[in-house]
ModelCIF file with pLDDT and N, C-alpha, C, O atoms, coordinates in Angstrom:
data_MODEL
#
_entry.id   MODEL 
#
_entity.id                         1 
_entity.type                       polymer 
_entity.pdbx_number_of_molecules   1 
#
_entity_poly.entity_id                      1 
_entity_poly.type                           'polypeptide(L)' 
_entity_poly.nstd_linkage                   no 
_entity_poly.nstd_monomer                   no 
_entity_poly.pdbx_seq_one_letter_code       QHLFLEPNILLGLDDYDLVCLDNIDKIAGNRLWEEAIFDLFNRLIESN 
_entity_poly.pdbx_seq_one_letter_code_can   QHLFLEPNILLGLDDYDLVCLDNIDKIAGNRLWEEAIFDLFNRLIESN 
_entity_poly.pdbx_strand_id                 A 
#
loop_
_entity_poly_seq.entity_id 
_entity_poly_seq.num 
_entity_poly_seq.mon_id 
_entity_poly_seq.hetero 
1 1  GLN n 
1 2  HIS n 
1 3  LEU n 
1 4  PHE n 
1 5  LEU n 
1 6  GLU n 
1 7  PRO n 
1 8  ASN n 
1 9  ILE n 
1 10 LEU n 
1 11 LEU n 
1 12 GLY n 
1 13 LEU n 
1 14 ASP n 
1 15 ASP n 
1 16 TYR n 
1 17 ASP n 
1 18 LEU n 
1 19 VAL n 
1 20 CYS n 
1 21 LEU n 
1 22 ASP n 
1 23 ASN n 
1 24 ILE n 
1 25 ASP n 
1 26 LYS n 
1 27 ILE n 
1 28 ALA n 
1 29 GLY n 
1 30 ASN n 
1 31 ARG n 
1 32 LEU n 
1 33 TRP n 
1 34 GLU n 
1 35 GLU n 
1 36 ALA n 
1 37 ILE n 
1 38 PHE n 
1 39 ASP n 
1 40 LEU n 
1 41 PHE n 
1 42 ASN n 
1 43 ARG n 
1 44 LEU n 
1 45 ILE n 
1 46 GLU n 
1 47 SER n 
1 48 ASN n 
#
_struct_asym.id          A 
_struct_asym.entity_id   1 
#
loop_
_ma_qa_metric.id 
_ma_qa_metric.mode 
_ma_qa_metric.name 
_ma_qa_metric.software_group_id 
_ma_qa_metric.type 
1 global pLDDT . pLDDT 
2 local  pLDDT . pLDDT 
#
_ma_qa_metric_global.metric_id      1 
_ma_qa_metric_global.metric_value   93.75 
_ma_qa_metric_global.model_id       1 
_ma_qa_metric_global.ordinal_id     1 
#
loop_
_ma_qa_metric_local.label_asym_id 
_ma_qa_metric_local.label_comp_id 
_ma_qa_metric_local.label_seq_id 
_ma_qa_metric_local.metric_id 
_ma_qa_metric_local.metric_value 
_ma_qa_metric_local.model_id 
_ma_qa_metric_local.ordinal_id 
A GLN 1  2 87.00 1 1  
A HIS 2  2 90.00 1 2  
A LEU 3  2 90.00 1 3  
A PHE 4  2 84.00 1 4  
A LEU 5  2 85.00 1 5  
A GLU 6  2 88.00 1 6  
A PRO 7  2 93.00 1 7  
A ASN 8  2 90.00 1 8  
A ILE 9  2 88.00 1 9  
A LEU 10 2 92.00 1 10 
A LEU 11 2 90.00 1 11 
A GLY 12 2 86.00 1 12 
A LEU 13 2 90.00 1 13 
A ASP 14 2 89.00 1 14 
A ASP 15 2 87.00 1 15 
A TYR 16 2 91.00 1 16 
A ASP 17 2 93.00 1 17 
A LEU 18 2 94.00 1 18 
A VAL 19 2 94.00 1 19 
A CYS 20 2 94.00 1 20 
A LEU 21 2 95.00 1 21 
A ASP 22 2 95.00 1 22 
A ASN 23 2 96.00 1 23 
A ILE 24 2 98.00 1 24 
A ASP 25 2 98.00 1 25 
A LYS 26 2 97.00 1 26 
A ILE 27 2 98.00 1 27 
A ALA 28 2 98.00 1 28 
A GLY 29 2 97.00 1 29 
A ASN 30 2 97.00 1 30 
A ARG 31 2 97.00 1 31 
A LEU 32 2 97.00 1 32 
A TRP 33 2 97.00 1 33 
A GLU 34 2 98.00 1 34 
A GLU 35 2 98.00 1 35 
A ALA 36 2 97.00 1 36 
A ILE 37 2 98.00 1 37 
A PHE 38 2 98.00 1 38 
A ASP 39 2 97.00 1 39 
A LEU 40 2 97.00 1 40 
A PHE 41 2 96.00 1 41 
A ASN 42 2 96.00 1 42 
A ARG 43 2 96.00 1 43 
A LEU 44 2 96.00 1 44 
A ILE 45 2 95.00 1 45 
A GLU 46 2 95.00 1 46 
A SER 47 2 94.00 1 47 
A ASN 48 2 94.00 1 48 
#
loop_
_atom_site.group_PDB 
_atom_site.id 
_atom_site.type_symbol 
_atom_site.label_atom_id 
_atom_site.label_alt_id 
_atom_site.label_comp_id 
_atom_site.label_asym_id 
_atom_site.label_entity_id 
_atom_site.label_seq_id 
_atom_site.pdbx_PDB_ins_code 
_atom_site.Cartn_x 
_atom_site.Cartn_y 
_atom_site.Cartn_z 
_atom_site.occupancy 
_atom_site.B_iso_or_equiv 
_atom_site.pdbx_formal_charge 
_atom_site.auth_seq_id 
_atom_site.auth_comp_id 
_atom_site.auth_asym_id 
_atom_site.auth_atom_id 
_atom_site.pdbx_PDB_model_num 
ATOM 1   N N  . GLN A 1 1  ? 151.305 81.294 236.885 1.00 87.00 ? 1  GLN A N  1 
ATOM 2   C CA . GLN A 1 1  ? 150.180 81.420 235.967 1.00 87.00 ? 1  GLN A CA 1 
ATOM 3   C C  . GLN A 1 1  ? 149.228 80.226 236.063 1.00 87.00 ? 1  GLN A C  1 
ATOM 4   O O  . GLN A 1 1  ? 148.446 79.983 235.144 1.00 87.00 ? 1  GLN A O  1 
ATOM 5   N N  . HIS A 1 2  ? 149.291 79.480 237.170 1.00 90.00 ? 2  HIS A N  1 
ATOM 6   C CA . HIS A 1 2  ? 148.522 78.236 237.245 1.00 90.00 ? 2  HIS A CA 1 
ATOM 7   C C  . HIS A 1 2  ? 147.015 78.452 237.180 1.00 90.00 ? 2  HIS A C  1 
ATOM 8   O O  . HIS A 1 2  ? 146.283 77.539 236.800 1.00 90.00 ? 2  HIS A O  1 
ATOM 9   N N  . LEU A 1 3  ? 146.541 79.633 237.539 1.00 90.00 ? 3  LEU A N  1 
ATOM 10  C CA . LEU A 1 3  ? 145.105 79.899 237.468 1.00 90.00 ? 3  LEU A CA 1 
ATOM 11  C C  . LEU A 1 3  ? 144.600 79.908 236.033 1.00 90.00 ? 3  LEU A C  1 
ATOM 12  O O  . LEU A 1 3  ? 143.404 79.744 235.794 1.00 90.00 ? 3  LEU A O  1 
ATOM 13  N N  . PHE A 1 4  ? 145.503 80.099 235.080 1.00 84.00 ? 4  PHE A N  1 
ATOM 14  C CA . PHE A 1 4  ? 145.122 80.108 233.670 1.00 84.00 ? 4  PHE A CA 1 
ATOM 15  C C  . PHE A 1 4  ? 145.406 78.761 233.000 1.00 84.00 ? 4  PHE A C  1 
ATOM 16  O O  . PHE A 1 4  ? 145.169 78.592 231.804 1.00 84.00 ? 4  PHE A O  1 
ATOM 17  N N  . LEU A 1 5  ? 145.915 77.810 233.779 1.00 85.00 ? 5  LEU A N  1 
ATOM 18  C CA . LEU A 1 5  ? 146.285 76.504 233.251 1.00 85.00 ? 5  LEU A CA 1 
ATOM 19  C C  . LEU A 1 5  ? 145.473 75.420 233.947 1.00 85.00 ? 5  LEU A C  1 
ATOM 20  O O  . LEU A 1 5  ? 144.718 75.688 234.881 1.00 85.00 ? 5  LEU A O  1 
ATOM 21  N N  . GLU A 1 6  ? 145.643 74.199 233.472 1.00 88.00 ? 6  GLU A N  1 
ATOM 22  C CA . GLU A 1 6  ? 145.029 73.030 234.109 1.00 88.00 ? 6  GLU A CA 1 
ATOM 23  C C  . GLU A 1 6  ? 146.138 72.058 234.503 1.00 88.00 ? 6  GLU A C  1 
ATOM 24  O O  . GLU A 1 6  ? 147.139 71.963 233.792 1.00 88.00 ? 6  GLU A O  1 
ATOM 25  N N  . PRO A 1 7  ? 145.991 71.330 235.618 1.00 93.00 ? 7  PRO A N  1 
ATOM 26  C CA . PRO A 1 7  ? 147.031 70.397 236.043 1.00 93.00 ? 7  PRO A CA 1 
ATOM 27  C C  . PRO A 1 7  ? 147.396 69.343 234.995 1.00 93.00 ? 7  PRO A C  1 
ATOM 28  O O  . PRO A 1 7  ? 148.504 68.807 235.017 1.00 93.00 ? 7  PRO A O  1 
ATOM 29  N N  . ASN A 1 8  ? 146.463 69.041 234.072 1.00 90.00 ? 8  ASN A N  1 
ATOM 30  C CA . ASN A 1 8  ? 146.787 68.013 233.070 1.00 90.00 ? 8  ASN A CA 1 
ATOM 31  C C  . ASN A 1 8  ? 147.820 68.493 232.053 1.00 90.00 ? 8  ASN A C  1 
ATOM 32  O O  . ASN A 1 8  ? 148.202 67.743 231.155 1.00 90.00 ? 8  ASN A O  1 
ATOM 33  N N  . ILE A 1 9  ? 148.275 69.748 232.192 1.00 88.00 ? 9  ILE A N  1 
ATOM 34  C CA . ILE A 1 9  ? 149.389 70.203 231.362 1.00 88.00 ? 9  ILE A CA 1 
ATOM 35  C C  . ILE A 1 9  ? 150.650 69.385 231.652 1.00 88.00 ? 9  ILE A C  1 
ATOM 36  O O  . ILE A 1 9  ? 151.571 69.335 230.837 1.00 88.00 ? 9  ILE A O  1 
ATOM 37  N N  . LEU A 1 10 ? 150.675 68.742 232.831 1.00 92.00 ? 10 LEU A N  1 
ATOM 38  C CA . LEU A 1 10 ? 151.845 67.956 233.234 1.00 92.00 ? 10 LEU A CA 1 
ATOM 39  C C  . LEU A 1 10 ? 151.842 66.552 232.639 1.00 92.00 ? 10 LEU A C  1 
ATOM 40  O O  . LEU A 1 10 ? 152.842 65.839 232.728 1.00 92.00 ? 10 LEU A O  1 
ATOM 41  N N  . LEU A 1 11 ? 150.731 66.151 232.036 1.00 90.00 ? 11 LEU A N  1 
ATOM 42  C CA . LEU A 1 11 ? 150.679 64.826 231.411 1.00 90.00 ? 11 LEU A CA 1 
ATOM 43  C C  . LEU A 1 11 ? 151.547 64.815 230.158 1.00 90.00 ? 11 LEU A C  1 
ATOM 44  O O  . LEU A 1 11 ? 151.638 65.814 229.446 1.00 90.00 ? 11 LEU A O  1 
ATOM 45  N N  . GLY A 1 12 ? 152.172 63.695 229.901 1.00 86.00 ? 12 GLY A N  1 
ATOM 46  C CA . GLY A 1 12 ? 152.967 63.560 228.687 1.00 86.00 ? 12 GLY A CA 1 
ATOM 47  C C  . GLY A 1 12 ? 154.373 64.109 228.767 1.00 86.00 ? 12 GLY A C  1 
ATOM 48  O O  . GLY A 1 12 ? 155.077 64.178 227.759 1.00 86.00 ? 12 GLY A O  1 
ATOM 49  N N  . LEU A 1 13 ? 154.795 64.506 229.982 1.00 90.00 ? 13 LEU A N  1 
ATOM 50  C CA . LEU A 1 13 ? 156.150 65.050 230.109 1.00 90.00 ? 13 LEU A CA 1 
ATOM 51  C C  . LEU A 1 13 ? 157.177 63.978 230.468 1.00 90.00 ? 13 LEU A C  1 
ATOM 52  O O  . LEU A 1 13 ? 158.345 64.291 230.701 1.00 90.00 ? 13 LEU A O  1 
ATOM 53  N N  . ASP A 1 14 ? 156.752 62.725 230.513 1.00 89.00 ? 14 ASP A N  1 
ATOM 54  C CA . ASP A 1 14 ? 157.633 61.649 230.966 1.00 89.00 ? 14 ASP A CA 1 
ATOM 55  C C  . ASP A 1 14 ? 158.878 61.486 230.106 1.00 89.00 ? 14 ASP A C  1 
ATOM 56  O O  . ASP A 1 14 ? 159.928 61.077 230.601 1.00 89.00 ? 14 ASP A O  1 
ATOM 57  N N  . ASP A 1 15 ? 158.762 61.807 228.804 1.00 87.00 ? 15 ASP A N  1 
ATOM 58  C CA . ASP A 1 15 ? 159.889 61.589 227.902 1.00 87.00 ? 15 ASP A CA 1 
ATOM 59  C C  . ASP A 1 15 ? 160.657 62.872 227.601 1.00 87.00 ? 15 ASP A C  1 
ATOM 60  O O  . ASP A 1 15 ? 161.469 62.918 226.678 1.00 87.00 ? 15 ASP A O  1 
ATOM 61  N N  . TYR A 1 16 ? 160.391 63.920 228.393 1.00 91.00 ? 16 TYR A N  1 
ATOM 62  C CA . TYR A 1 16 ? 161.131 65.170 228.207 1.00 91.00 ? 16 TYR A CA 1 
ATOM 63  C C  . TYR A 1 16 ? 162.504 65.062 228.864 1.00 91.00 ? 16 TYR A C  1 
ATOM 64  O O  . TYR A 1 16 ? 162.669 64.386 229.879 1.00 91.00 ? 16 TYR A O  1 
ATOM 65  N N  . ASP A 1 17 ? 163.479 65.736 228.273 1.00 93.00 ? 17 ASP A N  1 
ATOM 66  C CA . ASP A 1 17 ? 164.822 65.749 228.856 1.00 93.00 ? 17 ASP A CA 1 
ATOM 67  C C  . ASP A 1 17 ? 164.916 66.709 230.037 1.00 93.00 ? 17 ASP A C  1 
ATOM 68  O O  . ASP A 1 17 ? 165.691 66.488 230.968 1.00 93.00 ? 17 ASP A O  1 
ATOM 69  N N  . LEU A 1 18 ? 164.121 67.773 229.990 1.00 94.00 ? 18 LEU A N  1 
ATOM 70  C CA . LEU A 1 18 ? 164.143 68.771 231.057 1.00 94.00 ? 18 LEU A CA 1 
ATOM 71  C C  . LEU A 1 18 ? 162.728 69.271 231.316 1.00 94.00 ? 18 LEU A C  1 
ATOM 72  O O  . LEU A 1 18 ? 162.013 69.671 230.396 1.00 94.00 ? 18 LEU A O  1 
ATOM 73  N N  . VAL A 1 19 ? 162.341 69.238 232.585 1.00 94.00 ? 19 VAL A N  1 
ATOM 74  C CA . VAL A 1 19 ? 161.047 69.793 233.008 1.00 94.00 ? 19 VAL A CA 1 
ATOM 75  C C  . VAL A 1 19 ? 161.332 70.850 234.072 1.00 94.00 ? 19 VAL A C  1 
ATOM 76  O O  . VAL A 1 19 ? 161.940 70.553 235.100 1.00 94.00 ? 19 VAL A O  1 
ATOM 77  N N  . CYS A 1 20 ? 160.893 72.086 233.822 1.00 94.00 ? 20 CYS A N  1 
ATOM 78  C CA . CYS A 1 20 ? 161.111 73.185 234.762 1.00 94.00 ? 20 CYS A CA 1 
ATOM 79  C C  . CYS A 1 20 ? 159.769 73.636 235.327 1.00 94.00 ? 20 CYS A C  1 
ATOM 80  O O  . CYS A 1 20 ? 158.861 74.002 234.581 1.00 94.00 ? 20 CYS A O  1 
ATOM 81  N N  . LEU A 1 21 ? 159.655 73.605 236.650 1.00 95.00 ? 21 LEU A N  1 
ATOM 82  C CA . LEU A 1 21 ? 158.470 74.096 237.346 1.00 95.00 ? 21 LEU A CA 1 
ATOM 83  C C  . LEU A 1 21 ? 158.882 75.334 238.141 1.00 95.00 ? 21 LEU A C  1 
ATOM 84  O O  . LEU A 1 21 ? 159.491 75.223 239.205 1.00 95.00 ? 21 LEU A O  1 
ATOM 85  N N  . ASP A 1 22 ? 158.550 76.492 237.625 1.00 95.00 ? 22 ASP A N  1 
ATOM 86  C CA . ASP A 1 22 ? 158.980 77.743 238.230 1.00 95.00 ? 22 ASP A CA 1 
ATOM 87  C C  . ASP A 1 22 ? 157.946 78.218 239.249 1.00 95.00 ? 22 ASP A C  1 
ATOM 88  O O  . ASP A 1 22 ? 156.751 78.262 238.956 1.00 95.00 ? 22 ASP A O  1 
ATOM 89  N N  . ASN A 1 23 ? 158.413 78.573 240.446 1.00 96.00 ? 23 ASN A N  1 
ATOM 90  C CA . ASN A 1 23 ? 157.557 79.114 241.515 1.00 96.00 ? 23 ASN A CA 1 
ATOM 91  C C  . ASN A 1 23 ? 156.496 78.114 241.978 1.00 96.00 ? 23 ASN A C  1 
ATOM 92  O O  . ASN A 1 23 ? 155.300 78.399 241.929 1.00 96.00 ? 23 ASN A O  1 
ATOM 93  N N  . ILE A 1 24 ? 156.947 76.946 242.425 1.00 98.00 ? 24 ILE A N  1 
ATOM 94  C CA . ILE A 1 24 ? 156.014 75.912 242.865 1.00 98.00 ? 24 ILE A CA 1 
ATOM 95  C C  . ILE A 1 24 ? 155.215 76.348 244.093 1.00 98.00 ? 24 ILE A C  1 
ATOM 96  O O  . ILE A 1 24 ? 154.132 75.818 244.341 1.00 98.00 ? 24 ILE A O  1 
ATOM 97  N N  . ASP A 1 25 ? 155.729 77.296 244.857 1.00 98.00 ? 25 ASP A N  1 
ATOM 98  C CA . ASP A 1 25 ? 154.997 77.772 246.036 1.00 98.00 ? 25 ASP A CA 1 
ATOM 99  C C  . ASP A 1 25 ? 153.654 78.393 245.666 1.00 98.00 ? 25 ASP A C  1 
ATOM 100 O O  . ASP A 1 25 ? 152.767 78.491 246.515 1.00 98.00 ? 25 ASP A O  1 
ATOM 101 N N  . LYS A 1 26 ? 153.492 78.813 244.419 1.00 97.00 ? 26 LYS A N  1 
ATOM 102 C CA . LYS A 1 26 ? 152.255 79.457 243.997 1.00 97.00 ? 26 LYS A CA 1 
ATOM 103 C C  . LYS A 1 26 ? 151.075 78.483 243.963 1.00 97.00 ? 26 LYS A C  1 
ATOM 104 O O  . LYS A 1 26 ? 149.924 78.920 243.997 1.00 97.00 ? 26 LYS A O  1 
ATOM 105 N N  . ILE A 1 27 ? 151.338 77.165 243.896 1.00 98.00 ? 27 ILE A N  1 
ATOM 106 C CA . ILE A 1 27 ? 150.234 76.204 243.854 1.00 98.00 ? 27 ILE A CA 1 
ATOM 107 C C  . ILE A 1 27 ? 150.028 75.536 245.211 1.00 98.00 ? 27 ILE A C  1 
ATOM 108 O O  . ILE A 1 27 ? 149.188 74.643 245.328 1.00 98.00 ? 27 ILE A O  1 
ATOM 109 N N  . ALA A 1 28 ? 150.767 75.942 246.230 1.00 98.00 ? 28 ALA A N  1 
ATOM 110 C CA . ALA A 1 28 ? 150.624 75.346 247.562 1.00 98.00 ? 28 ALA A CA 1 
ATOM 111 C C  . ALA A 1 28 ? 149.199 75.525 248.072 1.00 98.00 ? 28 ALA A C  1 
ATOM 112 O O  . ALA A 1 28 ? 148.649 76.626 248.032 1.00 98.00 ? 28 ALA A O  1 
ATOM 113 N N  . GLY A 1 29 ? 148.609 74.434 248.552 1.00 97.00 ? 29 GLY A N  1 
ATOM 114 C CA . GLY A 1 29 ? 147.242 74.479 249.032 1.00 97.00 ? 29 GLY A CA 1 
ATOM 115 C C  . GLY A 1 29 ? 146.210 74.096 247.989 1.00 97.00 ? 29 GLY A C  1 
ATOM 116 O O  . GLY A 1 29 ? 145.037 73.907 248.310 1.00 97.00 ? 29 GLY A O  1 
ATOM 117 N N  . ASN A 1 30 ? 146.643 73.979 246.737 1.00 97.00 ? 30 ASN A N  1 
ATOM 118 C CA . ASN A 1 30 ? 145.752 73.544 245.659 1.00 97.00 ? 30 ASN A CA 1 
ATOM 119 C C  . ASN A 1 30 ? 145.950 72.045 245.477 1.00 97.00 ? 30 ASN A C  1 
ATOM 120 O O  . ASN A 1 30 ? 146.939 71.617 244.882 1.00 97.00 ? 30 ASN A O  1 
ATOM 121 N N  . ARG A 1 31 ? 145.014 71.240 245.988 1.00 97.00 ? 31 ARG A N  1 
ATOM 122 C CA . ARG A 1 31 ? 145.197 69.792 246.014 1.00 97.00 ? 31 ARG A CA 1 
ATOM 123 C C  . ARG A 1 31 ? 145.366 69.196 244.616 1.00 97.00 ? 31 ARG A C  1 
ATOM 124 O O  . ARG A 1 31 ? 146.189 68.301 244.426 1.00 97.00 ? 31 ARG A O  1 
ATOM 125 N N  . LEU A 1 32 ? 144.601 69.679 243.638 1.00 97.00 ? 32 LEU A N  1 
ATOM 126 C CA . LEU A 1 32 ? 144.694 69.114 242.293 1.00 97.00 ? 32 LEU A CA 1 
ATOM 127 C C  . LEU A 1 32 ? 146.087 69.312 241.708 1.00 97.00 ? 32 LEU A C  1 
ATOM 128 O O  . LEU A 1 32 ? 146.655 68.402 241.104 1.00 97.00 ? 32 LEU A O  1 
ATOM 129 N N  . TRP A 1 33 ? 146.627 70.511 241.896 1.00 97.00 ? 33 TRP A N  1 
ATOM 130 C CA . TRP A 1 33 ? 147.967 70.775 241.389 1.00 97.00 ? 33 TRP A CA 1 
ATOM 131 C C  . TRP A 1 33 ? 149.024 69.991 242.170 1.00 97.00 ? 33 TRP A C  1 
ATOM 132 O O  . TRP A 1 33 ? 149.960 69.453 241.579 1.00 97.00 ? 33 TRP A O  1 
ATOM 133 N N  . GLU A 1 34 ? 148.882 69.927 243.465 1.00 98.00 ? 34 GLU A N  1 
ATOM 134 C CA . GLU A 1 34 ? 149.861 69.187 244.275 1.00 98.00 ? 34 GLU A CA 1 
ATOM 135 C C  . GLU A 1 34 ? 149.862 67.709 243.888 1.00 98.00 ? 34 GLU A C  1 
ATOM 136 O O  . GLU A 1 34 ? 150.928 67.109 243.751 1.00 98.00 ? 34 GLU A O  1 
ATOM 137 N N  . GLU A 1 35 ? 148.701 67.125 243.712 1.00 98.00 ? 35 GLU A N  1 
ATOM 138 C CA . GLU A 1 35 ? 148.630 65.714 243.325 1.00 98.00 ? 35 GLU A CA 1 
ATOM 139 C C  . GLU A 1 35 ? 149.195 65.504 241.927 1.00 98.00 ? 35 GLU A C  1 
ATOM 140 O O  . GLU A 1 35 ? 149.849 64.492 241.673 1.00 98.00 ? 35 GLU A O  1 
ATOM 141 N N  . ALA A 1 36 ? 148.953 66.443 241.015 1.00 97.00 ? 36 ALA A N  1 
ATOM 142 C CA . ALA A 1 36 ? 149.472 66.323 239.649 1.00 97.00 ? 36 ALA A CA 1 
ATOM 143 C C  . ALA A 1 36 ? 150.997 66.390 239.633 1.00 97.00 ? 36 ALA A C  1 
ATOM 144 O O  . ALA A 1 36 ? 151.641 65.655 238.885 1.00 97.00 ? 36 ALA A O  1 
ATOM 145 N N  . ILE A 1 37 ? 151.576 67.260 240.449 1.00 98.00 ? 37 ILE A N  1 
ATOM 146 C CA . ILE A 1 37 ? 153.035 67.372 240.502 1.00 98.00 ? 37 ILE A CA 1 
ATOM 147 C C  . ILE A 1 37 ? 153.642 66.139 241.173 1.00 98.00 ? 37 ILE A C  1 
ATOM 148 O O  . ILE A 1 37 ? 154.689 65.650 240.750 1.00 98.00 ? 37 ILE A O  1 
ATOM 149 N N  . PHE A 1 38 ? 152.980 65.638 242.222 1.00 98.00 ? 38 PHE A N  1 
ATOM 150 C CA . PHE A 1 38 ? 153.438 64.411 242.872 1.00 98.00 ? 38 PHE A CA 1 
ATOM 151 C C  . PHE A 1 38 ? 153.429 63.246 241.877 1.00 98.00 ? 38 PHE A C  1 
ATOM 152 O O  . PHE A 1 38 ? 154.374 62.460 241.819 1.00 98.00 ? 38 PHE A O  1 
ATOM 153 N N  . ASP A 1 39 ? 152.357 63.148 241.103 1.00 97.00 ? 39 ASP A N  1 
ATOM 154 C CA . ASP A 1 39 ? 152.261 62.088 240.097 1.00 97.00 ? 39 ASP A CA 1 
ATOM 155 C C  . ASP A 1 39 ? 153.325 62.249 239.021 1.00 97.00 ? 39 ASP A C  1 
ATOM 156 O O  . ASP A 1 39 ? 153.925 61.266 238.586 1.00 97.00 ? 39 ASP A O  1 
ATOM 157 N N  . LEU A 1 40 ? 153.563 63.493 238.589 1.00 97.00 ? 40 LEU A N  1 
ATOM 158 C CA . LEU A 1 40 ? 154.610 63.755 237.598 1.00 97.00 ? 40 LEU A CA 1 
ATOM 159 C C  . LEU A 1 40 ? 155.966 63.320 238.132 1.00 97.00 ? 40 LEU A C  1 
ATOM 160 O O  . LEU A 1 40 ? 156.742 62.684 237.419 1.00 97.00 ? 40 LEU A O  1 
ATOM 161 N N  . PHE A 1 41 ? 156.250 63.657 239.369 1.00 96.00 ? 41 PHE A N  1 
ATOM 162 C CA . PHE A 1 41 ? 157.515 63.295 239.995 1.00 96.00 ? 41 PHE A CA 1 
ATOM 163 C C  . PHE A 1 41 ? 157.714 61.782 239.932 1.00 96.00 ? 41 PHE A C  1 
ATOM 164 O O  . PHE A 1 41 ? 158.793 61.315 239.567 1.00 96.00 ? 41 PHE A O  1 
ATOM 165 N N  . ASN A 1 42 ? 156.683 61.015 240.284 1.00 96.00 ? 42 ASN A N  1 
ATOM 166 C CA . ASN A 1 42 ? 156.784 59.555 240.276 1.00 96.00 ? 42 ASN A CA 1 
ATOM 167 C C  . ASN A 1 42 ? 156.997 59.017 238.863 1.00 96.00 ? 42 ASN A C  1 
ATOM 168 O O  . ASN A 1 42 ? 157.769 58.079 238.668 1.00 96.00 ? 42 ASN A O  1 
ATOM 169 N N  . ARG A 1 43 ? 156.323 59.600 237.883 1.00 96.00 ? 43 ARG A N  1 
ATOM 170 C CA . ARG A 1 43 ? 156.494 59.150 236.499 1.00 96.00 ? 43 ARG A CA 1 
ATOM 171 C C  . ARG A 1 43 ? 157.906 59.439 236.000 1.00 96.00 ? 43 ARG A C  1 
ATOM 172 O O  . ARG A 1 43 ? 158.496 58.630 235.282 1.00 96.00 ? 43 ARG A O  1 
ATOM 173 N N  . LEU A 1 44 ? 158.445 60.597 236.383 1.00 96.00 ? 44 LEU A N  1 
ATOM 174 C CA . LEU A 1 44 ? 159.802 60.942 235.951 1.00 96.00 ? 44 LEU A CA 1 
ATOM 175 C C  . LEU A 1 44 ? 160.834 60.023 236.597 1.00 96.00 ? 44 LEU A C  1 
ATOM 176 O O  . LEU A 1 44 ? 161.825 59.657 235.964 1.00 96.00 ? 44 LEU A O  1 
ATOM 177 N N  . ILE A 1 45 ? 160.604 59.653 237.849 1.00 95.00 ? 45 ILE A N  1 
ATOM 178 C CA . ILE A 1 45 ? 161.502 58.700 238.504 1.00 95.00 ? 45 ILE A CA 1 
ATOM 179 C C  . ILE A 1 45 ? 161.485 57.365 237.756 1.00 95.00 ? 45 ILE A C  1 
ATOM 180 O O  . ILE A 1 45 ? 162.526 56.747 237.534 1.00 95.00 ? 45 ILE A O  1 
ATOM 181 N N  . GLU A 1 46 ? 160.297 56.943 237.379 1.00 95.00 ? 46 GLU A N  1 
ATOM 182 C CA . GLU A 1 46 ? 160.159 55.656 236.696 1.00 95.00 ? 46 GLU A CA 1 
ATOM 183 C C  . GLU A 1 46 ? 160.790 55.676 235.309 1.00 95.00 ? 46 GLU A C  1 
ATOM 184 O O  . GLU A 1 46 ? 161.442 54.711 234.911 1.00 95.00 ? 46 GLU A O  1 
ATOM 185 N N  . SER A 1 47 ? 160.603 56.767 234.573 1.00 94.00 ? 47 SER A N  1 
ATOM 186 C CA . SER A 1 47 ? 161.188 56.843 233.228 1.00 94.00 ? 47 SER A CA 1 
ATOM 187 C C  . SER A 1 47 ? 162.703 57.011 233.274 1.00 94.00 ? 47 SER A C  1 
ATOM 188 O O  . SER A 1 47 ? 163.409 56.572 232.366 1.00 94.00 ? 47 SER A O  1 
ATOM 189 N N  . ASN A 1 48 ? 163.208 57.659 234.353 1.00 94.00 ? 48 ASN A N  1 
ATOM 190 C CA . ASN A 1 48 ? 164.643 57.743 234.643 1.00 94.00 ? 48 ASN A CA 1 
ATOM 191 C C  . ASN A 1 48 ? 165.459 58.350 233.497 1.00 94.00 ? 48 ASN A C  1 
ATOM 192 O O  . ASN A 1 48 ? 166.678 58.479 233.608 1.00 94.00 ? 48 ASN A O  1 
#
C-alpha cells in the first residue's frame, strides 16, 4: 500500500519493540522508500 503512504511513516519507530515491513519488494526501485528503509535500519541498529 506504499502508493497511499509516505516514507516518513517510518520516522519515530526507533523505540518500537517490533517493526514489520510486509512485502518490501513492492517498493523496489523507489529511491525515496529505499533510502527511508535504509535509514530506519540504521536507526534500529543504533537503538538496539
